[in-house]
Amino acid sequence: MNEIFTFLGLISHNHTFIIVSHTILVALIVLGIAKLATSSLQIVPSGVQNIAESYLGGVISMGKDVIGEDLAKKYLPLVATIGLVVFVANIIGIIPGFESPTSNINFTLALALIVFVYYNLEGIRKQGAFTYFKNFVHLGELNPIAKFAMSLLMYPIEIVSHLSRIISLSFRLFGNIKGDDLFLAVILMLAPFIAPLAPFALLTFMGLLQAFIFMILTYVYLAGAVAVDDSH
């Protein structure tokens, strides 16, 4: 979106510079929120600490039904951090003069690769490499010859299915936020001096929704990799 005005575009028109700069800005905002939430911890939370604790509690509650409460708490740092980064990166693009890093495929692809590599490593650590990859396909009580024949068909399909998660995570987020940015650009061109409050509210909701989807899918993929007992 080189044609859209950004404050950082006054420094350089290079789009890579603009995206990297906004990514650093998002990281600083997230670190600032974390600092404010933990700078003066109180038994009875208030202010930013109260908001942060409510957010973390909501993330645990969201993951509890997917992966179990213990594992939801174990993977809370990863999921909550990704959710906060994605949300801030989505919302910053709603502010005129800024651009969403999540509207760039490189940013969303990096997040998707982090999740993909992490859940596979956790699955290997939990089950062992042989058992983890063996469990990609459940062939039931078939005889050995049938199992071998079916495995030749099913394993490539499962491998492609796992690799497609990278595309699913990255392109879903990229496509939605890119579309939102284009929609906002059109609205601002049509009504540059009148605050389009309804579109802003809609885009804020969409930014929150996309962060939620990214977090819940991360929990789902982790559950498939490490929650191998009957209860999950």
Protein backbone atom coordinates (compact mmCIF):
# COMPACT_ATOMS: atom_id res chain seq x y z
CA MET A 1 0.00 0.00 0.00
CA ASN A 2 2.65 2.49 -1.05
CA GLU A 3 0.01 5.04 -2.06
CA ILE A 4 -1.35 5.32 1.49
CA PHE A 5 0.12 8.14 3.58
CA THR A 6 2.09 7.11 6.64
CA PHE A 7 4.07 9.27 9.03
CA LEU A 8 7.09 7.00 8.69
CA GLY A 9 6.77 7.34 4.93
CA LEU A 10 8.01 10.91 5.36
CA ILE A 11 11.38 9.44 6.31
CA SER A 12 11.58 6.92 3.49
CA HIS A 13 9.20 5.74 0.78
CA ASN A 14 10.74 2.25 0.87
CA HIS A 15 7.87 -0.07 1.80
CA THR A 16 10.18 -2.55 3.53
CA PHE A 17 11.39 0.26 5.79
CA ILE A 18 7.82 1.25 6.57
CA ILE A 19 6.74 -2.30 7.48
CA VAL A 20 9.87 -3.00 9.56
CA SER A 21 9.46 0.33 11.36
CA HIS A 22 5.82 -0.40 12.17
CA THR A 23 6.80 -3.90 13.34
CA ILE A 24 9.33 -2.36 15.75
CA LEU A 25 6.67 0.12 16.87
CA VAL A 26 4.25 -2.75 17.58
CA ALA A 27 6.94 -4.55 19.60
CA LEU A 28 7.61 -1.40 21.63
CA ILE A 29 3.89 -0.93 22.32
CA VAL A 30 3.55 -4.54 23.49
CA LEU A 31 6.63 -4.22 25.70
CA GLY A 32 5.25 -0.94 27.06
CA ILE A 33 1.94 -2.60 27.93
CA ALA A 34 3.78 -5.44 29.67
CA LYS A 35 5.92 -2.95 31.60
CA LEU A 36 2.90 -0.94 32.72
CA ALA A 37 1.07 -4.11 33.80
CA THR A 38 3.97 -5.41 35.91
CA SER A 39 5.66 -2.22 37.16
CA SER A 40 3.67 -2.07 40.42
CA LEU A 41 1.94 -5.39 41.01
CA GLN A 42 -0.85 -5.35 43.59
CA ILE A 43 -2.88 -8.08 45.27
CA VAL A 44 -6.03 -6.27 44.21
CA PRO A 45 -5.26 -5.33 40.60
CA SER A 46 -6.23 -2.05 39.04
CA GLY A 47 -5.59 -0.16 35.84
CA VAL A 48 -3.41 -1.87 33.25
CA GLN A 49 -2.63 -4.77 35.62
CA ASN A 50 -6.34 -5.52 35.91
CA ILE A 51 -6.76 -5.46 32.11
CA ALA A 52 -3.70 -7.68 31.64
CA GLU A 53 -4.87 -10.22 34.20
CA SER A 54 -8.32 -10.33 32.62
CA TYR A 55 -6.72 -10.90 29.22
CA LEU A 56 -4.49 -13.71 30.49
CA GLY A 57 -7.43 -15.30 32.28
CA GLY A 58 -9.45 -15.16 29.08
CA VAL A 59 -6.66 -16.80 27.10
CA ILE A 60 -6.41 -19.63 29.65
CA SER A 61 -10.18 -20.07 29.60
CA MET A 62 -10.12 -20.19 25.80
CA GLY A 63 -7.40 -22.83 25.74
CA LYS A 64 -8.79 -24.92 28.61
CA ASP A 65 -11.49 -26.57 26.50
CA VAL A 66 -9.04 -27.19 23.66
CA ILE A 67 -5.96 -28.52 25.40
CA GLY A 68 -6.73 -28.73 29.13
CA GLU A 69 -6.08 -26.16 31.84
CA ASP A 70 -2.55 -27.31 32.73
CA LEU A 71 -1.33 -27.22 29.13
CA ALA A 72 -3.22 -23.98 28.48
CA LYS A 73 -1.22 -22.39 31.31
CA LYS A 74 2.02 -23.97 30.09
CA TYR A 75 1.66 -22.46 26.62
CA LEU A 76 0.13 -19.20 27.85
CA PRO A 77 3.31 -17.12 27.26
CA LEU A 78 3.44 -18.11 23.59
CA VAL A 79 -0.27 -17.82 22.84
CA ALA A 80 -0.90 -14.64 24.83
CA THR A 81 2.15 -12.90 23.35
CA ILE A 82 1.17 -13.83 19.80
CA GLY A 83 -2.40 -12.70 20.44
CA LEU A 84 -1.31 -9.33 21.82
CA VAL A 85 1.19 -8.75 19.00
CA VAL A 86 -1.37 -9.64 16.34
CA PHE A 87 -4.06 -7.46 17.94
CA VAL A 88 -1.80 -4.40 18.25
CA ALA A 89 -0.47 -4.94 14.73
CA ASN A 90 -4.03 -5.13 13.42
CA ILE A 91 -5.34 -2.12 15.32
CA ILE A 92 -2.43 0.21 14.56
CA GLY A 93 -3.42 0.19 10.89
CA ILE A 94 -6.82 1.67 11.75
CA ILE A 95 -5.12 4.87 12.93
CA PRO A 96 -4.62 7.21 9.96
CA GLY A 97 -0.91 7.64 9.24
CA PHE A 98 0.05 4.11 10.28
CA GLU A 99 0.08 0.78 8.48
CA SER A 100 -0.66 -2.69 9.88
CA PRO A 101 2.39 -4.98 9.81
CA THR A 102 -0.11 -7.84 9.48
CA SER A 103 -1.09 -6.47 6.06
CA ASN A 104 2.32 -7.70 4.89
CA ILE A 105 2.66 -11.42 4.07
CA ASN A 106 6.22 -11.58 5.42
CA PHE A 107 5.05 -10.61 8.91
CA THR A 108 2.18 -13.11 9.03
CA LEU A 109 4.34 -15.83 7.48
CA ALA A 110 6.94 -15.33 10.20
CA LEU A 111 4.26 -15.74 12.89
CA ALA A 112 2.89 -18.85 11.18
CA LEU A 113 6.37 -20.40 10.97
CA ILE A 114 6.96 -19.73 14.67
CA VAL A 115 3.76 -21.61 15.55
CA PHE A 116 4.47 -24.42 13.05
CA VAL A 117 8.03 -25.06 14.23
CA TYR A 118 7.11 -24.75 17.91
CA TYR A 119 4.18 -27.16 17.97
CA ASN A 120 6.11 -29.77 15.97
CA LEU A 121 9.10 -29.50 18.30
CA GLU A 122 6.79 -29.80 21.29
CA GLY A 123 5.17 -32.88 19.76
CA ILE A 124 8.57 -34.49 19.16
CA ARG A 125 9.72 -33.60 22.69
CA LYS A 126 6.53 -35.00 24.22
CA GLN A 127 6.18 -38.23 22.20
CA GLY A 128 9.58 -38.79 20.63
CA ALA A 129 10.24 -38.29 16.93
CA PHE A 130 9.25 -41.81 15.82
CA THR A 131 5.98 -41.92 17.79
CA TYR A 132 5.07 -38.35 16.84
CA PHE A 133 5.35 -38.96 13.12
CA LYS A 134 3.81 -42.43 13.44
CA ASN A 135 0.74 -40.86 15.03
CA PHE A 136 0.18 -38.66 11.99
CA VAL A 137 -1.98 -41.50 10.66
CA HIS A 138 -4.25 -43.80 12.70
CA LEU A 139 -5.00 -46.91 10.68
CA GLY A 140 -6.88 -48.88 13.33
CA GLU A 141 -6.97 -52.66 13.22
CA LEU A 142 -6.03 -53.21 9.59
CA ASN A 143 -3.76 -56.10 8.68
CA PRO A 144 -0.05 -55.26 8.09
CA ILE A 145 -0.29 -55.30 4.29
CA ALA A 146 -3.34 -53.01 4.29
CA LYS A 147 -1.68 -50.69 6.83
CA PHE A 148 1.42 -50.41 4.63
CA ALA A 149 -0.67 -49.69 1.54
CA MET A 150 -2.81 -47.12 3.33
CA SER A 151 0.23 -45.45 4.90
CA LEU A 152 1.72 -44.87 1.44
CA LEU A 153 -1.44 -42.91 0.61
CA MET A 154 -2.19 -41.23 3.93
CA TYR A 155 1.25 -40.02 5.06
CA PRO A 156 1.82 -37.71 2.07
CA ILE A 157 -1.68 -36.32 2.57
CA GLU A 158 -1.04 -35.67 6.27
CA ILE A 159 2.33 -34.05 5.56
CA VAL A 160 0.72 -31.73 3.01
CA SER A 161 -2.06 -31.05 5.54
CA HIS A 162 0.47 -29.98 8.18
CA LEU A 163 2.39 -27.81 5.74
CA SER A 164 -0.84 -26.19 4.61
CA ARG A 165 -1.29 -24.87 8.15
CA ILE A 166 1.50 -22.39 7.44
CA ILE A 167 -0.46 -21.06 4.47
CA SER A 168 -3.73 -21.14 6.39
CA LEU A 169 -2.39 -19.14 9.34
CA SER A 170 -0.42 -16.60 7.33
CA PHE A 171 -2.76 -15.97 4.38
CA ARG A 172 -5.94 -15.82 6.49
CA LEU A 173 -4.52 -13.06 8.66
CA PHE A 174 -2.77 -11.27 5.79
CA GLY A 175 -5.81 -11.38 3.51
CA ASN A 176 -8.25 -10.11 6.12
CA ILE A 177 -6.09 -7.24 7.34
CA LYS A 178 -5.02 -6.25 3.81
CA GLY A 179 -8.69 -6.12 2.85
CA ASP A 180 -9.48 -4.07 5.95
CA ASP A 181 -6.74 -1.58 5.11
CA LEU A 182 -8.01 -1.17 1.56
CA PHE A 183 -11.56 -0.73 2.85
CA LEU A 184 -10.39 1.94 5.32
CA ALA A 185 -8.42 3.72 2.58
CA VAL A 186 -11.56 3.95 0.44
CA ILE A 187 -13.63 5.23 3.38
CA LEU A 188 -11.06 7.91 4.22
CA MET A 189 -10.92 9.04 0.58
CA LEU A 190 -14.71 9.34 0.48
CA ALA A 191 -15.03 11.09 3.86
CA PRO A 192 -11.60 12.44 4.83
CA PHE A 193 -12.90 15.09 7.25
CA ILE A 194 -15.74 13.15 8.81
CA ALA A 195 -14.70 10.40 11.20
CA PRO A 196 -16.21 7.17 9.85
CA LEU A 197 -17.00 5.76 13.29
CA ALA A 198 -18.97 2.72 12.13
CA PRO A 199 -16.15 1.43 9.88
CA PHE A 200 -13.63 2.06 12.67
CA ALA A 201 -15.75 0.01 15.07
CA LEU A 202 -16.10 -2.78 12.49
CA LEU A 203 -12.36 -2.85 11.76
CA THR A 204 -11.57 -2.90 15.48
CA PHE A 205 -13.83 -5.91 15.89
CA MET A 206 -12.21 -7.62 12.90
CA GLY A 207 -8.75 -6.99 14.33
CA LEU A 208 -9.81 -8.55 17.62
CA LEU A 209 -11.45 -11.48 15.84
CA GLN A 210 -8.34 -12.25 13.77
CA ALA A 211 -6.18 -12.22 16.90
CA PHE A 212 -8.62 -14.62 18.58
CA ILE A 213 -8.59 -16.98 15.58
CA PHE A 214 -4.78 -17.02 15.51
CA MET A 215 -4.64 -17.85 19.22
CA ILE A 216 -7.29 -20.59 19.12
CA LEU A 217 -5.64 -22.24 16.11
CA THR A 218 -2.30 -22.18 17.93
CA TYR A 219 -3.91 -24.02 20.85
CA VAL A 220 -5.57 -26.48 18.45
CA TYR A 221 -2.27 -27.31 16.73
CA LEU A 222 -0.51 -27.68 20.09
CA ALA A 223 -3.30 -29.97 21.28
CA GLY A 224 -2.86 -32.19 18.26
CA ALA A 225 0.87 -32.42 18.94
CA VAL A 226 1.04 -32.95 22.71
CA ALA A 227 -2.41 -33.90 24.05
CA VAL A 228 -2.30 -37.58 23.11
CA ASP A 229 -4.22 -39.11 26.00
CA ASP A 230 -7.82 -40.28 25.74
CA SER A 231 -9.24 -37.24 27.50
CA HIS A 232 -8.16 -35.03 24.58
